[in-house]
Amino acid sequence: MNILIVEDEKPAATRLSNMLKKVDPDAEIIGITDGVESTLNFLDQHTPPDLVFMDIHLADGSGLEIFKHHSFDGIGVIFSTAYDQYAIEAFKLNAVYYLLKPIKQEELELALDRFKQNKERNNDYKEIVNRLLSKQGNEKRFLIRMGQSLRLVHQSDIAYFYTSDKITFMMTREGRKYPVDYTLENLEEIIDSAKFFRINRQYIIHIDAIQQMHAHSKARVRIDLLPVAHEEVIVSTEKSPLFKKWLEGVE
C-alpha cells in the first residue's frame, strides 16, 4: 500500500509516518508534502498513491483546495486535523475517515481498516464486471435514465468520459452529456481498450473523438476533442508514451 502524507508540521508528519509503519509494516510512504502547490505537483508527477493522509490547514492554504484542482478517483483520503469543524466538508469529498490530532494508534488502525474494506468492495465490483464481460463479450452498453424515460447508449456512440466535481459524465457523439454511475477506474474495466484510452486522471476518450493533436510541453500531447470539451485536454506525461502506441494500434 503506497501512502502520501500531506502535512505542514514536520514533527507531526514524522510521527504519523512512524505510526503507520508500526500499524502496517507493508505500508510504504512514497512522499511527504507540506502545501497545496507541492501536493498538486507531486500528484501530477508521480504514480497515484493508494491512500493520502491529508492535513486540512497547510502552509499555503486549505487541503480542501486540492480537490478543486485534482481528481481523486481511485485514491483513498483520510483527513487529519486538530479541528473538527471540517468533518462535514471532508465527508462530502468521500473521505474514508476523519482523524483528530493528536492521532491515536487505535483510531489510525480503524481508519486503515475502513480503507482496506472499501478497497476490497471495489475489487469485488471489478470481479463481477469481468465475469459479466466474459459472458457477453466486450460490447458493454449503458442504460441512461432521463426523467421517466430510459435510453440505451452503445460504446460506438460515445465520444468520451470525464469527471467533474467527483461526478463521472458520458459525452456522446451527438454532444449530449449524461452522468453515469461508474468511476473512470470502473469504466477502464468494461470498455473496449482498442477504441478507448484513458489519457489522464479526468478523461477517457474514444479514438474517433480526436479532432486534432498538438505537441505540448514535457513531451505531452494536447487534444482537440469533438464534441468540444469544456477545458483544455492534455495527455499526461505518464500516459503519453502509451498513448502514442495506442494510436498506432500497438499493445
Protein backbone atom coordinates (compact mmCIF):
# COMPACT_ATOMS: atom_id res chain seq x y z
CA MET A 1 0.00 0.00 0.00
CA ASN A 2 1.53 3.30 -1.16
CA ILE A 3 0.80 6.31 1.04
CA LEU A 4 1.26 10.06 0.56
CA ILE A 5 1.34 12.23 3.69
CA VAL A 6 0.23 15.86 3.30
CA GLU A 7 1.30 17.66 6.49
CA ASP A 8 2.99 21.03 7.01
CA GLU A 9 4.32 20.27 10.50
CA LYS A 10 7.43 18.11 10.17
CA PRO A 11 7.20 16.52 13.66
CA ALA A 12 3.57 15.55 13.00
CA ALA A 13 4.49 14.07 9.61
CA THR A 14 7.34 12.06 11.14
CA ARG A 15 5.13 10.81 13.97
CA LEU A 16 2.39 9.73 11.56
CA SER A 17 4.93 8.01 9.30
CA ASN A 18 6.34 6.05 12.25
CA MET A 19 2.86 5.10 13.46
CA LEU A 20 1.87 3.85 10.01
CA LYS A 21 4.96 1.63 9.78
CA LYS A 22 4.13 0.22 13.20
CA VAL A 23 0.44 -0.39 12.46
CA ASP A 24 1.02 -1.71 8.92
CA PRO A 25 4.60 -2.83 8.18
CA ASP A 26 3.69 -3.27 4.50
CA ALA A 27 2.79 0.41 4.12
CA GLU A 28 5.21 2.43 2.01
CA ILE A 29 5.42 6.20 2.44
CA ILE A 30 6.10 7.41 -1.10
CA GLY A 31 6.13 11.11 -0.26
CA ILE A 32 5.52 13.87 2.27
CA THR A 33 4.29 17.26 1.06
CA ASP A 34 3.54 20.38 3.08
CA GLY A 35 1.20 22.50 0.96
CA VAL A 36 -1.42 22.74 -1.74
CA GLU A 37 1.02 23.53 -4.55
CA SER A 38 3.60 20.91 -3.57
CA THR A 39 0.88 18.25 -3.28
CA LEU A 40 -0.58 19.04 -6.71
CA ASN A 41 2.92 18.91 -8.22
CA PHE A 42 3.57 15.55 -6.55
CA LEU A 43 0.30 14.07 -7.81
CA ASP A 44 0.96 15.30 -11.35
CA GLN A 45 4.47 13.88 -11.47
CA HIS A 46 4.13 10.53 -9.71
CA THR A 47 2.12 7.33 -9.90
CA PRO A 48 -1.07 7.87 -7.86
CA PRO A 49 -0.84 6.67 -4.24
CA ASP A 50 -3.34 4.18 -2.87
CA LEU A 51 -4.04 6.39 0.15
CA VAL A 52 -3.48 10.01 1.18
CA PHE A 53 -3.34 11.29 4.76
CA MET A 54 -4.18 14.97 4.44
CA ASP A 55 -3.99 17.76 6.97
CA ILE A 56 -6.54 20.49 6.27
CA HIS A 57 -4.51 23.50 7.44
CA LEU A 58 -1.43 23.61 5.21
CA ALA A 59 1.46 26.00 4.70
CA ASP A 60 -0.12 27.74 1.70
CA GLY A 61 -3.85 27.19 2.20
CA SER A 62 -6.54 24.62 2.86
CA GLY A 63 -6.08 20.98 1.89
CA LEU A 64 -9.67 21.06 0.65
CA GLU A 65 -8.50 23.30 -2.21
CA ILE A 66 -6.53 20.39 -3.67
CA PHE A 67 -9.79 18.65 -4.59
CA LYS A 68 -10.79 21.58 -6.80
CA HIS A 69 -7.74 21.04 -8.99
CA HIS A 70 -7.16 17.30 -8.96
CA SER A 71 -9.31 14.19 -9.28
CA PHE A 72 -9.01 11.61 -6.51
CA ASP A 73 -10.69 8.78 -8.42
CA GLY A 74 -9.32 5.52 -7.04
CA ILE A 75 -7.37 7.26 -4.25
CA GLY A 76 -8.44 6.87 -0.63
CA VAL A 77 -8.28 10.00 1.55
CA ILE A 78 -8.05 10.19 5.33
CA PHE A 79 -8.15 13.71 6.75
CA SER A 80 -6.18 14.62 9.86
CA THR A 81 -6.62 17.92 11.67
CA ALA A 82 -6.72 19.50 15.11
CA TYR A 83 -10.16 20.95 14.34
CA ASP A 84 -13.47 19.12 13.97
CA GLN A 85 -15.49 21.79 12.13
CA TYR A 86 -14.36 20.48 8.75
CA ALA A 87 -15.77 16.98 9.20
CA ILE A 88 -18.91 17.58 7.13
CA GLU A 89 -16.94 19.10 4.25
CA ALA A 90 -14.46 16.23 4.39
CA PHE A 91 -17.13 13.58 4.06
CA LYS A 92 -18.72 15.47 1.18
CA LEU A 93 -15.45 14.69 -0.56
CA ASN A 94 -15.91 10.98 0.19
CA ALA A 95 -13.17 10.82 2.78
CA VAL A 96 -12.53 7.35 4.16
CA TYR A 97 -12.03 8.66 7.70
CA TYR A 98 -11.50 11.85 9.71
CA LEU A 99 -8.78 11.80 12.38
CA LEU A 100 -8.42 14.43 15.05
CA LYS A 101 -4.92 15.36 16.23
CA PRO A 102 -3.10 14.16 18.17
CA ILE A 103 -3.74 10.93 16.30
CA LYS A 104 -4.18 7.87 18.48
CA GLN A 105 -2.96 4.47 17.35
CA GLU A 106 -6.32 2.78 17.79
CA GLU A 107 -8.01 5.46 15.65
CA LEU A 108 -5.34 5.07 12.99
CA GLU A 109 -5.95 1.32 12.93
CA LEU A 110 -9.68 1.87 12.49
CA ALA A 111 -9.05 4.30 9.63
CA LEU A 112 -6.79 1.84 7.82
CA ASP A 113 -9.30 -0.97 8.32
CA ARG A 114 -12.03 1.22 6.81
CA PHE A 115 -9.83 1.98 3.80
CA LYS A 116 -8.99 -1.70 3.23
CA GLN A 117 -12.66 -2.69 3.47
CA ASN A 118 -13.61 -0.08 0.86
CA LYS A 119 -10.82 -1.28 -1.42
CA GLU A 120 -11.99 -4.89 -1.12
CA ARG A 121 -15.50 -3.85 -2.12
CA ASN A 122 -14.13 -2.08 -5.20
CA ASN A 123 -12.12 -5.18 -6.13
CA ASP A 124 -15.24 -7.32 -5.73
CA TYR A 125 -17.08 -4.93 -8.07
CA LYS A 126 -14.38 -5.30 -10.71
CA GLU A 127 -14.50 -9.08 -10.44
CA ILE A 128 -18.26 -9.05 -11.00
CA VAL A 129 -17.84 -6.79 -14.04
CA ASN A 130 -15.19 -9.09 -15.50
CA ARG A 131 -17.46 -12.10 -15.06
CA LEU A 132 -20.26 -10.33 -16.89
CA LEU A 133 -17.92 -9.38 -19.71
CA SER A 134 -16.76 -12.96 -20.10
CA LYS A 135 -20.39 -13.92 -20.73
CA GLN A 136 -21.50 -11.12 -23.01
CA GLY A 137 -18.32 -10.03 -24.79
CA ASN A 138 -16.77 -6.55 -24.87
CA GLU A 139 -19.78 -4.65 -26.19
CA LYS A 140 -20.84 -3.02 -22.95
CA ARG A 141 -23.94 -0.85 -23.34
CA PHE A 142 -25.06 1.91 -20.97
CA LEU A 143 -28.63 2.39 -19.81
CA ILE A 144 -29.22 6.10 -19.19
CA ARG A 145 -32.19 7.43 -17.23
CA MET A 146 -33.66 10.73 -18.43
CA GLY A 147 -36.52 11.67 -16.14
CA GLN A 148 -39.07 8.89 -16.55
CA SER A 149 -37.58 7.57 -19.80
CA LEU A 150 -34.59 5.34 -20.48
CA ARG A 151 -32.06 5.42 -23.31
CA LEU A 152 -29.60 2.74 -24.36
CA VAL A 153 -26.19 4.09 -25.42
CA HIS A 154 -23.71 1.88 -27.28
CA GLN A 155 -19.97 2.31 -26.92
CA SER A 156 -19.74 3.31 -30.57
CA ASP A 157 -21.97 6.32 -29.80
CA ILE A 158 -19.71 7.63 -27.00
CA ALA A 159 -17.08 10.30 -27.65
CA TYR A 160 -15.52 10.42 -24.19
CA PHE A 161 -15.98 10.12 -20.44
CA TYR A 162 -14.76 12.72 -17.97
CA THR A 163 -15.02 13.66 -14.31
CA SER A 164 -16.13 16.98 -12.87
CA ASP A 165 -16.79 17.72 -9.18
CA LYS A 166 -16.34 14.00 -8.43
CA ILE A 167 -19.11 13.04 -10.88
CA THR A 168 -18.43 10.95 -13.99
CA PHE A 169 -20.07 12.09 -17.22
CA MET A 170 -20.51 10.50 -20.62
CA MET A 171 -20.36 12.72 -23.71
CA THR A 172 -21.99 11.23 -26.79
CA ARG A 173 -21.04 11.95 -30.39
CA GLU A 174 -24.25 13.98 -30.64
CA GLY A 175 -22.96 16.30 -27.91
CA ARG A 176 -25.31 15.03 -25.20
CA LYS A 177 -23.93 14.80 -21.66
CA TYR A 178 -25.15 12.21 -19.15
CA PRO A 179 -23.97 11.36 -15.62
CA VAL A 180 -23.04 7.68 -15.21
CA ASP A 181 -22.74 5.55 -12.08
CA TYR A 182 -19.17 4.49 -12.75
CA THR A 183 -15.74 5.80 -11.82
CA LEU A 184 -13.16 6.07 -14.57
CA GLU A 185 -11.43 3.08 -12.97
CA ASN A 186 -14.62 1.04 -13.31
CA LEU A 187 -15.01 2.14 -16.93
CA GLU A 188 -11.48 1.07 -17.82
CA GLU A 189 -12.51 -2.46 -16.92
CA ILE A 190 -15.56 -2.61 -19.16
CA ILE A 191 -14.93 -0.55 -22.28
CA ASP A 192 -13.11 -1.59 -25.46
CA SER A 193 -9.43 -0.74 -24.88
CA ALA A 194 -8.78 -0.75 -28.63
CA LYS A 195 -11.18 2.18 -29.07
CA PHE A 196 -10.93 3.99 -25.71
CA PHE A 197 -7.87 5.28 -23.86
CA ARG A 198 -7.50 7.00 -20.50
CA ILE A 199 -5.29 9.97 -21.26
CA ASN A 200 -5.14 11.46 -17.75
CA ARG A 201 -6.93 11.40 -14.41
CA GLN A 202 -10.01 13.18 -15.79
CA TYR A 203 -10.60 11.79 -19.31
CA ILE A 204 -11.15 8.55 -21.19
CA ILE A 205 -11.52 9.28 -24.90
CA HIS A 206 -12.69 7.37 -27.99
CA ILE A 207 -10.20 7.36 -30.85
CA ASP A 208 -12.81 8.81 -33.23
CA ALA A 209 -13.38 11.79 -30.90
CA ILE A 210 -9.88 13.11 -31.63
CA GLN A 211 -10.21 16.09 -33.97
CA GLN A 212 -6.63 17.40 -33.81
CA MET A 213 -3.48 16.81 -31.77
CA HIS A 214 -0.77 19.31 -30.85
CA ALA A 215 2.69 18.94 -29.32
CA HIS A 216 2.74 20.24 -25.74
CA SER A 217 5.38 20.77 -23.06
CA LYS A 218 7.22 17.84 -21.43
CA ALA A 219 6.54 15.57 -24.42
CA ARG A 220 2.81 15.72 -23.74
CA VAL A 221 0.03 15.97 -26.30
CA ARG A 222 -2.86 18.47 -26.33
CA ILE A 223 -6.04 17.15 -27.93
CA ASP A 224 -8.95 18.91 -29.58
CA LEU A 225 -11.99 16.72 -29.00
CA LEU A 226 -15.26 16.54 -30.88
CA PRO A 227 -17.65 17.40 -29.29
CA VAL A 228 -15.52 20.20 -27.85
CA ALA A 229 -14.50 19.67 -24.21
CA HIS A 230 -15.21 22.34 -21.60
CA GLU A 231 -11.50 22.59 -20.69
CA GLU A 232 -8.04 22.06 -22.17
CA VAL A 233 -7.43 18.32 -22.63
CA ILE A 234 -3.82 17.16 -22.31
CA VAL A 235 -2.37 13.66 -22.24
CA SER A 236 -0.40 13.32 -19.01
CA THR A 237 3.38 12.84 -19.08
CA GLU A 238 2.97 9.34 -17.68
CA LYS A 239 0.41 8.33 -20.30
CA SER A 240 2.00 9.97 -23.37
CA PRO A 241 4.26 7.06 -24.47
CA LEU A 242 1.40 4.54 -24.09
CA PHE A 243 -0.99 6.90 -25.85
CA LYS A 244 1.25 7.10 -28.92
CA LYS A 245 1.48 3.30 -29.06
CA TRP A 246 -2.29 3.06 -28.69
CA LEU A 247 -2.77 5.43 -31.63
CA GLU A 248 -0.61 3.12 -33.74
CA GLY A 249 -2.52 0.05 -32.59
CA VAL A 250 0.47 -1.33 -30.66
CA GLU A 251 -0.38 -3.22 -27.46
